[in-house]
Amino acid sequence: MSKMRIAVAESKADLARARLMETIEQLADLLEPNKIARDLWDSAKVKGADMAEEAVDAVKRRPVATGGIIAAVAMFLAREPIKDGVRSLVDAMMSDDEPEPPPKPSARKPATRRKRTAPRTTRKTETK
C-alpha cells in the first residue's frame, strides 16, 4: 500500500472516530437523568393542561349531565350520612308528636350472689 492511501485511510478513520465521539456525547446529554426528568415533567404538564382544557370543554357542552354525574358521585361518597339522616327523619315522622324522654337509670344496683366456699359451722356456747 502506498503512503498516500494509508494517510487517507487514517484521516477517514479519524473523521469517523470524531463523529462517533460526537454522537456518544449527544446520547450522554439525552440520557442524563436530570434532563430526562425535566422532559417528563414538561410533557406531563402539557398533557395535564390539555386534559383540563378538554374537561372544561366537556362540561360546557353538557352541563346537566356533568351535574348529574357529580351529584351521583357525591351521593355515593356520602351514602352513610344520608342513610342515617333519612332514617332519623322517617323515625321522627312516624313517632308521636312529643319525643319520649330517655329511660331513667335505676337507683338501686342489682343484687349479686356470693358463692359459698365452705359449709357453715355453728358455735356452741358452754353452759356453767
N, C-alpha and C. Protein backbone atom coordinates (compact mmCIF):
# COMPACT_ATOMS: atom_id res chain seq x y z
N MET A 1 0.82 -1.17 0.00
CA MET A 1 0.00 0.00 0.00
C MET A 1 0.88 1.24 0.00
N SER A 2 0.41 2.26 -0.65
CA SER A 2 1.21 3.48 -0.70
C SER A 2 0.96 4.31 0.54
N LYS A 3 1.89 5.16 0.78
CA LYS A 3 1.78 6.03 1.96
C LYS A 3 0.58 6.96 1.84
N MET A 4 0.24 7.33 0.63
CA MET A 4 -0.88 8.22 0.40
C MET A 4 -2.19 7.54 0.78
N ARG A 5 -2.35 6.33 0.38
CA ARG A 5 -3.57 5.59 0.69
C ARG A 5 -3.69 5.37 2.20
N ILE A 6 -2.56 5.12 2.85
CA ILE A 6 -2.57 4.92 4.30
C ILE A 6 -2.98 6.22 4.99
N ALA A 7 -2.47 7.35 4.52
CA ALA A 7 -2.80 8.65 5.11
C ALA A 7 -4.29 8.96 4.91
N VAL A 8 -4.85 8.63 3.76
CA VAL A 8 -6.26 8.87 3.50
C VAL A 8 -7.11 7.99 4.42
N ALA A 9 -6.73 6.74 4.56
CA ALA A 9 -7.47 5.82 5.43
C ALA A 9 -7.42 6.28 6.88
N GLU A 10 -6.22 6.76 7.30
CA GLU A 10 -6.10 7.25 8.68
C GLU A 10 -6.96 8.49 8.90
N SER A 11 -7.01 9.37 7.91
CA SER A 11 -7.82 10.58 8.07
C SER A 11 -9.32 10.22 8.08
N LYS A 12 -9.73 9.24 7.26
CA LYS A 12 -11.12 8.77 7.29
C LYS A 12 -11.45 8.15 8.64
N ALA A 13 -10.52 7.39 9.18
CA ALA A 13 -10.74 6.76 10.48
C ALA A 13 -10.84 7.83 11.57
N ASP A 14 -9.98 8.87 11.50
CA ASP A 14 -10.04 9.95 12.49
C ASP A 14 -11.37 10.70 12.38
N LEU A 15 -11.84 10.92 11.18
CA LEU A 15 -13.11 11.60 10.97
C LEU A 15 -14.27 10.76 11.51
N ALA A 16 -14.23 9.47 11.23
CA ALA A 16 -15.28 8.57 11.74
C ALA A 16 -15.24 8.51 13.26
N ARG A 17 -14.05 8.50 13.84
CA ARG A 17 -13.89 8.48 15.30
C ARG A 17 -14.45 9.76 15.90
N ALA A 18 -14.19 10.89 15.27
CA ALA A 18 -14.69 12.17 15.77
C ALA A 18 -16.21 12.21 15.72
N ARG A 19 -16.81 11.71 14.61
CA ARG A 19 -18.28 11.66 14.51
C ARG A 19 -18.86 10.73 15.56
N LEU A 20 -18.20 9.60 15.78
CA LEU A 20 -18.67 8.65 16.79
C LEU A 20 -18.63 9.28 18.18
N MET A 21 -17.56 9.98 18.51
CA MET A 21 -17.45 10.62 19.82
C MET A 21 -18.52 11.71 19.99
N GLU A 22 -18.80 12.44 18.92
CA GLU A 22 -19.84 13.47 18.98
C GLU A 22 -21.21 12.83 19.22
N THR A 23 -21.47 11.72 18.54
CA THR A 23 -22.74 11.01 18.74
C THR A 23 -22.86 10.49 20.16
N ILE A 24 -21.76 9.96 20.70
CA ILE A 24 -21.77 9.46 22.09
C ILE A 24 -22.05 10.60 23.06
N GLU A 25 -21.45 11.77 22.84
CA GLU A 25 -21.69 12.91 23.71
C GLU A 25 -23.15 13.37 23.63
N GLN A 26 -23.72 13.36 22.42
CA GLN A 26 -25.12 13.74 22.28
C GLN A 26 -26.04 12.76 23.01
N LEU A 27 -25.72 11.47 22.88
CA LEU A 27 -26.52 10.45 23.59
C LEU A 27 -26.39 10.62 25.10
N ALA A 28 -25.18 10.91 25.56
CA ALA A 28 -24.98 11.10 27.00
C ALA A 28 -25.79 12.29 27.50
N ASP A 29 -25.84 13.36 26.70
CA ASP A 29 -26.66 14.52 27.09
C ASP A 29 -28.15 14.16 27.13
N LEU A 30 -28.60 13.38 26.13
CA LEU A 30 -30.01 12.99 26.09
C LEU A 30 -30.38 12.05 27.23
N LEU A 31 -29.45 11.22 27.64
CA LEU A 31 -29.74 10.22 28.67
C LEU A 31 -29.39 10.68 30.08
N GLU A 32 -29.06 11.95 30.24
CA GLU A 32 -28.76 12.48 31.58
C GLU A 32 -30.04 12.44 32.41
N PRO A 33 -30.00 11.88 33.62
CA PRO A 33 -31.22 11.72 34.44
C PRO A 33 -31.97 13.03 34.69
N ASN A 34 -31.26 14.11 34.96
CA ASN A 34 -31.94 15.39 35.22
C ASN A 34 -32.70 15.86 33.98
N LYS A 35 -32.10 15.68 32.81
CA LYS A 35 -32.75 16.10 31.57
C LYS A 35 -33.97 15.22 31.29
N ILE A 36 -33.85 13.92 31.53
CA ILE A 36 -34.99 13.02 31.33
C ILE A 36 -36.14 13.42 32.25
N ALA A 37 -35.83 13.66 33.52
CA ALA A 37 -36.86 14.04 34.48
C ALA A 37 -37.50 15.36 34.09
N ARG A 38 -36.71 16.33 33.67
CA ARG A 38 -37.24 17.63 33.26
C ARG A 38 -38.15 17.48 32.03
N ASP A 39 -37.72 16.68 31.06
CA ASP A 39 -38.54 16.47 29.86
C ASP A 39 -39.86 15.77 30.21
N LEU A 40 -39.78 14.78 31.10
CA LEU A 40 -41.00 14.08 31.51
C LEU A 40 -41.95 15.03 32.24
N TRP A 41 -41.40 15.87 33.12
CA TRP A 41 -42.23 16.82 33.86
C TRP A 41 -42.90 17.81 32.91
N ASP A 42 -42.13 18.30 31.94
CA ASP A 42 -42.71 19.24 30.97
C ASP A 42 -43.82 18.59 30.15
N SER A 43 -43.59 17.37 29.71
CA SER A 43 -44.62 16.69 28.91
C SER A 43 -45.85 16.37 29.77
N ALA A 44 -45.65 16.04 31.05
CA ALA A 44 -46.78 15.78 31.95
C ALA A 44 -47.59 17.06 32.18
N LYS A 45 -46.91 18.19 32.32
CA LYS A 45 -47.63 19.46 32.49
C LYS A 45 -48.45 19.79 31.25
N VAL A 46 -47.88 19.57 30.09
CA VAL A 46 -48.61 19.86 28.85
C VAL A 46 -49.81 18.93 28.73
N LYS A 47 -49.60 17.65 29.02
CA LYS A 47 -50.70 16.68 28.92
C LYS A 47 -51.79 17.01 29.94
N GLY A 48 -51.41 17.36 31.17
CA GLY A 48 -52.38 17.73 32.20
C GLY A 48 -53.18 18.96 31.80
N ALA A 49 -52.52 19.94 31.22
CA ALA A 49 -53.22 21.15 30.77
C ALA A 49 -54.20 20.80 29.65
N ASP A 50 -53.77 19.93 28.75
CA ASP A 50 -54.67 19.51 27.66
C ASP A 50 -55.90 18.78 28.21
N MET A 51 -55.68 17.90 29.17
CA MET A 51 -56.80 17.15 29.76
C MET A 51 -57.75 18.08 30.49
N ALA A 52 -57.21 19.06 31.22
CA ALA A 52 -58.06 20.01 31.94
C ALA A 52 -58.89 20.84 30.96
N GLU A 53 -58.27 21.23 29.87
CA GLU A 53 -58.99 22.01 28.87
C GLU A 53 -60.10 21.18 28.23
N GLU A 54 -59.82 19.91 27.95
CA GLU A 54 -60.84 19.03 27.39
C GLU A 54 -61.99 18.82 28.38
N ALA A 55 -61.67 18.71 29.67
CA ALA A 55 -62.71 18.53 30.68
C ALA A 55 -63.60 19.77 30.77
N VAL A 56 -63.00 20.94 30.73
CA VAL A 56 -63.78 22.17 30.77
C VAL A 56 -64.69 22.27 29.55
N ASP A 57 -64.16 21.89 28.39
CA ASP A 57 -64.98 21.91 27.18
C ASP A 57 -66.15 20.92 27.29
N ALA A 58 -65.89 19.75 27.85
CA ALA A 58 -66.95 18.75 28.00
C ALA A 58 -68.03 19.24 28.95
N VAL A 59 -67.64 19.92 30.03
CA VAL A 59 -68.62 20.46 30.97
C VAL A 59 -69.44 21.56 30.31
N LYS A 60 -68.78 22.37 29.49
CA LYS A 60 -69.52 23.43 28.79
C LYS A 60 -70.52 22.85 27.80
N ARG A 61 -70.17 21.74 27.15
CA ARG A 61 -71.07 21.13 26.17
C ARG A 61 -72.27 20.47 26.85
N ARG A 62 -72.08 19.84 28.02
CA ARG A 62 -73.16 19.10 28.68
C ARG A 62 -73.18 19.41 30.18
N PRO A 63 -73.63 20.58 30.57
CA PRO A 63 -73.60 20.93 32.00
C PRO A 63 -74.58 20.11 32.83
N VAL A 64 -75.74 19.75 32.28
CA VAL A 64 -76.72 18.99 33.05
C VAL A 64 -76.20 17.58 33.34
N ALA A 65 -75.64 16.94 32.33
CA ALA A 65 -75.11 15.59 32.52
C ALA A 65 -73.95 15.61 33.51
N THR A 66 -73.11 16.62 33.41
CA THR A 66 -71.98 16.72 34.34
C THR A 66 -72.47 16.93 35.77
N GLY A 67 -73.47 17.77 35.94
CA GLY A 67 -74.03 17.98 37.28
C GLY A 67 -74.63 16.70 37.84
N GLY A 68 -75.29 15.93 36.99
CA GLY A 68 -75.86 14.65 37.45
C GLY A 68 -74.78 13.67 37.87
N ILE A 69 -73.71 13.61 37.11
CA ILE A 69 -72.60 12.71 37.46
C ILE A 69 -71.97 13.13 38.78
N ILE A 70 -71.75 14.42 38.94
CA ILE A 70 -71.15 14.91 40.19
C ILE A 70 -72.07 14.63 41.37
N ALA A 71 -73.38 14.82 41.18
CA ALA A 71 -74.33 14.54 42.26
C ALA A 71 -74.33 13.06 42.61
N ALA A 72 -74.27 12.19 41.60
CA ALA A 72 -74.25 10.75 41.86
C ALA A 72 -73.00 10.34 42.62
N VAL A 73 -71.86 10.90 42.24
CA VAL A 73 -70.61 10.57 42.95
C VAL A 73 -70.67 11.09 44.39
N ALA A 74 -71.20 12.30 44.57
CA ALA A 74 -71.31 12.86 45.92
C ALA A 74 -72.24 12.02 46.79
N MET A 75 -73.35 11.57 46.21
CA MET A 75 -74.28 10.73 46.98
C MET A 75 -73.65 9.38 47.32
N PHE A 76 -72.88 8.85 46.40
CA PHE A 76 -72.21 7.58 46.69
C PHE A 76 -71.21 7.74 47.83
N LEU A 77 -70.45 8.81 47.80
CA LEU A 77 -69.44 9.03 48.85
C LEU A 77 -70.08 9.36 50.20
N ALA A 78 -71.26 9.97 50.19
CA ALA A 78 -71.93 10.36 51.44
C ALA A 78 -73.12 9.46 51.75
N ARG A 79 -73.10 8.23 51.30
CA ARG A 79 -74.28 7.36 51.44
C ARG A 79 -74.61 7.04 52.89
N GLU A 80 -73.64 6.84 53.77
CA GLU A 80 -73.94 6.52 55.17
C GLU A 80 -74.58 7.70 55.89
N PRO A 81 -74.04 8.92 55.82
CA PRO A 81 -74.71 10.05 56.48
C PRO A 81 -76.10 10.31 55.90
N ILE A 82 -76.27 10.13 54.60
CA ILE A 82 -77.60 10.33 54.00
C ILE A 82 -78.57 9.29 54.53
N LYS A 83 -78.12 8.03 54.60
CA LYS A 83 -78.99 6.96 55.10
C LYS A 83 -79.39 7.24 56.55
N ASP A 84 -78.43 7.67 57.39
CA ASP A 84 -78.75 7.99 58.78
C ASP A 84 -79.73 9.15 58.88
N GLY A 85 -79.55 10.17 58.05
CA GLY A 85 -80.45 11.32 58.08
C GLY A 85 -81.87 10.95 57.67
N VAL A 86 -81.98 10.13 56.63
CA VAL A 86 -83.31 9.70 56.18
C VAL A 86 -83.96 8.84 57.25
N ARG A 87 -83.19 7.95 57.87
CA ARG A 87 -83.74 7.09 58.91
C ARG A 87 -84.26 7.92 60.09
N SER A 88 -83.49 8.92 60.52
CA SER A 88 -83.94 9.74 61.66
C SER A 88 -85.15 10.58 61.26
N LEU A 89 -85.22 11.03 60.00
CA LEU A 89 -86.37 11.79 59.54
C LEU A 89 -87.62 10.92 59.53
N VAL A 90 -87.51 9.70 59.02
CA VAL A 90 -88.65 8.78 58.99
C VAL A 90 -89.07 8.42 60.41
N ASP A 91 -88.12 8.17 61.28
CA ASP A 91 -88.45 7.86 62.68
C ASP A 91 -89.19 9.03 63.33
N ALA A 92 -88.75 10.25 63.05
CA ALA A 92 -89.40 11.42 63.64
C ALA A 92 -90.82 11.58 63.09
N MET A 93 -91.01 11.26 61.83
CA MET A 93 -92.34 11.39 61.23
C MET A 93 -93.28 10.29 61.73
N MET A 94 -92.77 9.13 62.02
CA MET A 94 -93.60 8.01 62.44
C MET A 94 -93.89 8.03 63.94
N SER A 95 -93.12 8.72 64.73
CA SER A 95 -93.33 8.72 66.18
C SER A 95 -94.40 9.74 66.56
N ASP A 96 -94.77 9.75 67.88
CA ASP A 96 -95.74 10.71 68.39
C ASP A 96 -95.18 12.12 68.25
N ASP A 97 -96.06 13.10 68.55
CA ASP A 97 -95.65 14.49 68.42
C ASP A 97 -94.52 14.83 69.38
N GLU A 98 -94.60 14.30 70.60
CA GLU A 98 -93.57 14.59 71.58
C GLU A 98 -92.62 13.41 71.67
N PRO A 99 -91.36 13.67 71.58
CA PRO A 99 -90.41 12.56 71.69
C PRO A 99 -90.38 12.03 73.11
N GLU A 100 -90.17 10.74 73.24
CA GLU A 100 -90.11 10.12 74.57
C GLU A 100 -88.80 10.48 75.23
N PRO A 101 -88.87 10.75 76.56
CA PRO A 101 -87.61 11.03 77.26
C PRO A 101 -86.82 9.74 77.39
N PRO A 102 -85.53 9.85 77.49
CA PRO A 102 -84.72 8.64 77.65
C PRO A 102 -85.03 7.98 78.99
N PRO A 103 -84.90 6.67 79.10
CA PRO A 103 -85.21 5.99 80.37
C PRO A 103 -84.25 6.44 81.47
N LYS A 104 -84.82 6.53 82.70
CA LYS A 104 -84.01 6.94 83.84
C LYS A 104 -83.23 5.75 84.36
N PRO A 105 -82.00 5.97 84.74
CA PRO A 105 -81.24 4.86 85.31
C PRO A 105 -81.80 4.50 86.67
N SER A 106 -81.79 3.22 87.00
CA SER A 106 -82.36 2.80 88.29
C SER A 106 -81.41 3.20 89.41
N ALA A 107 -82.03 3.53 90.57
CA ALA A 107 -81.24 3.99 91.71
C ALA A 107 -80.56 2.83 92.41
N ARG A 108 -81.24 1.66 92.40
CA ARG A 108 -80.67 0.51 93.09
C ARG A 108 -79.82 -0.31 92.15
N LYS A 109 -78.74 -0.81 92.70
CA LYS A 109 -77.91 -1.71 91.93
C LYS A 109 -78.48 -3.11 92.07
N PRO A 110 -78.42 -3.88 91.06
CA PRO A 110 -78.93 -5.25 91.18
C PRO A 110 -78.11 -6.05 92.19
N ALA A 111 -78.82 -6.91 92.92
CA ALA A 111 -78.14 -7.72 93.94
C ALA A 111 -77.27 -8.77 93.27
N THR A 112 -76.14 -9.01 93.91
CA THR A 112 -75.24 -10.04 93.38
C THR A 112 -75.16 -11.17 94.40
N ARG A 113 -75.05 -12.35 93.95
CA ARG A 113 -74.95 -13.50 94.83
C ARG A 113 -73.50 -13.87 95.05
N ARG A 114 -73.23 -14.26 96.29
CA ARG A 114 -71.89 -14.73 96.61
C ARG A 114 -71.89 -16.24 96.60
N LYS A 115 -70.83 -16.78 96.16
CA LYS A 115 -70.71 -18.23 96.18
C LYS A 115 -70.20 -18.67 97.55
N ARG A 116 -70.73 -19.78 98.00
CA ARG A 116 -70.23 -20.34 99.26
C ARG A 116 -68.98 -21.12 98.98
N THR A 117 -68.04 -20.92 99.83
CA THR A 117 -66.79 -21.63 99.64
C THR A 117 -66.67 -22.82 100.58
N ALA A 118 -67.20 -22.69 101.78
CA ALA A 118 -67.12 -23.79 102.74
C ALA A 118 -68.44 -23.86 103.51
N PRO A 119 -68.81 -25.03 104.00
CA PRO A 119 -70.06 -25.11 104.75
C PRO A 119 -69.96 -24.33 106.06
N ARG A 120 -71.08 -23.82 106.51
CA ARG A 120 -71.11 -23.04 107.76
C ARG A 120 -71.08 -23.99 108.95
N THR A 121 -70.42 -23.53 109.96
CA THR A 121 -70.41 -24.30 111.22
C THR A 121 -71.05 -23.47 112.29
N THR A 122 -71.72 -24.14 113.22
CA THR A 122 -72.39 -23.41 114.31
C THR A 122 -71.50 -23.48 115.54
N ARG A 123 -71.53 -22.43 116.29
CA ARG A 123 -70.73 -22.37 117.52
C ARG A 123 -71.62 -22.72 118.70
N LYS A 124 -71.13 -23.58 119.47
CA LYS A 124 -71.88 -23.95 120.68
C LYS A 124 -71.30 -23.18 121.84
N THR A 125 -72.18 -22.70 122.70
CA THR A 125 -71.73 -22.00 123.90
C THR A 125 -71.79 -22.96 125.07
N GLU A 126 -70.84 -22.85 125.89
CA GLU A 126 -70.80 -23.74 127.07
C GLU A 126 -71.67 -23.18 128.17
N THR A 127 -72.32 -24.06 128.88
CA THR A 127 -73.14 -23.64 130.00
C THR A 127 -72.41 -23.99 131.30
N LYS A 128 -72.50 -23.20 132.29
CA LYS A 128 -71.82 -23.44 133.55
C LYS A 128 -72.76 -23.75 134.65
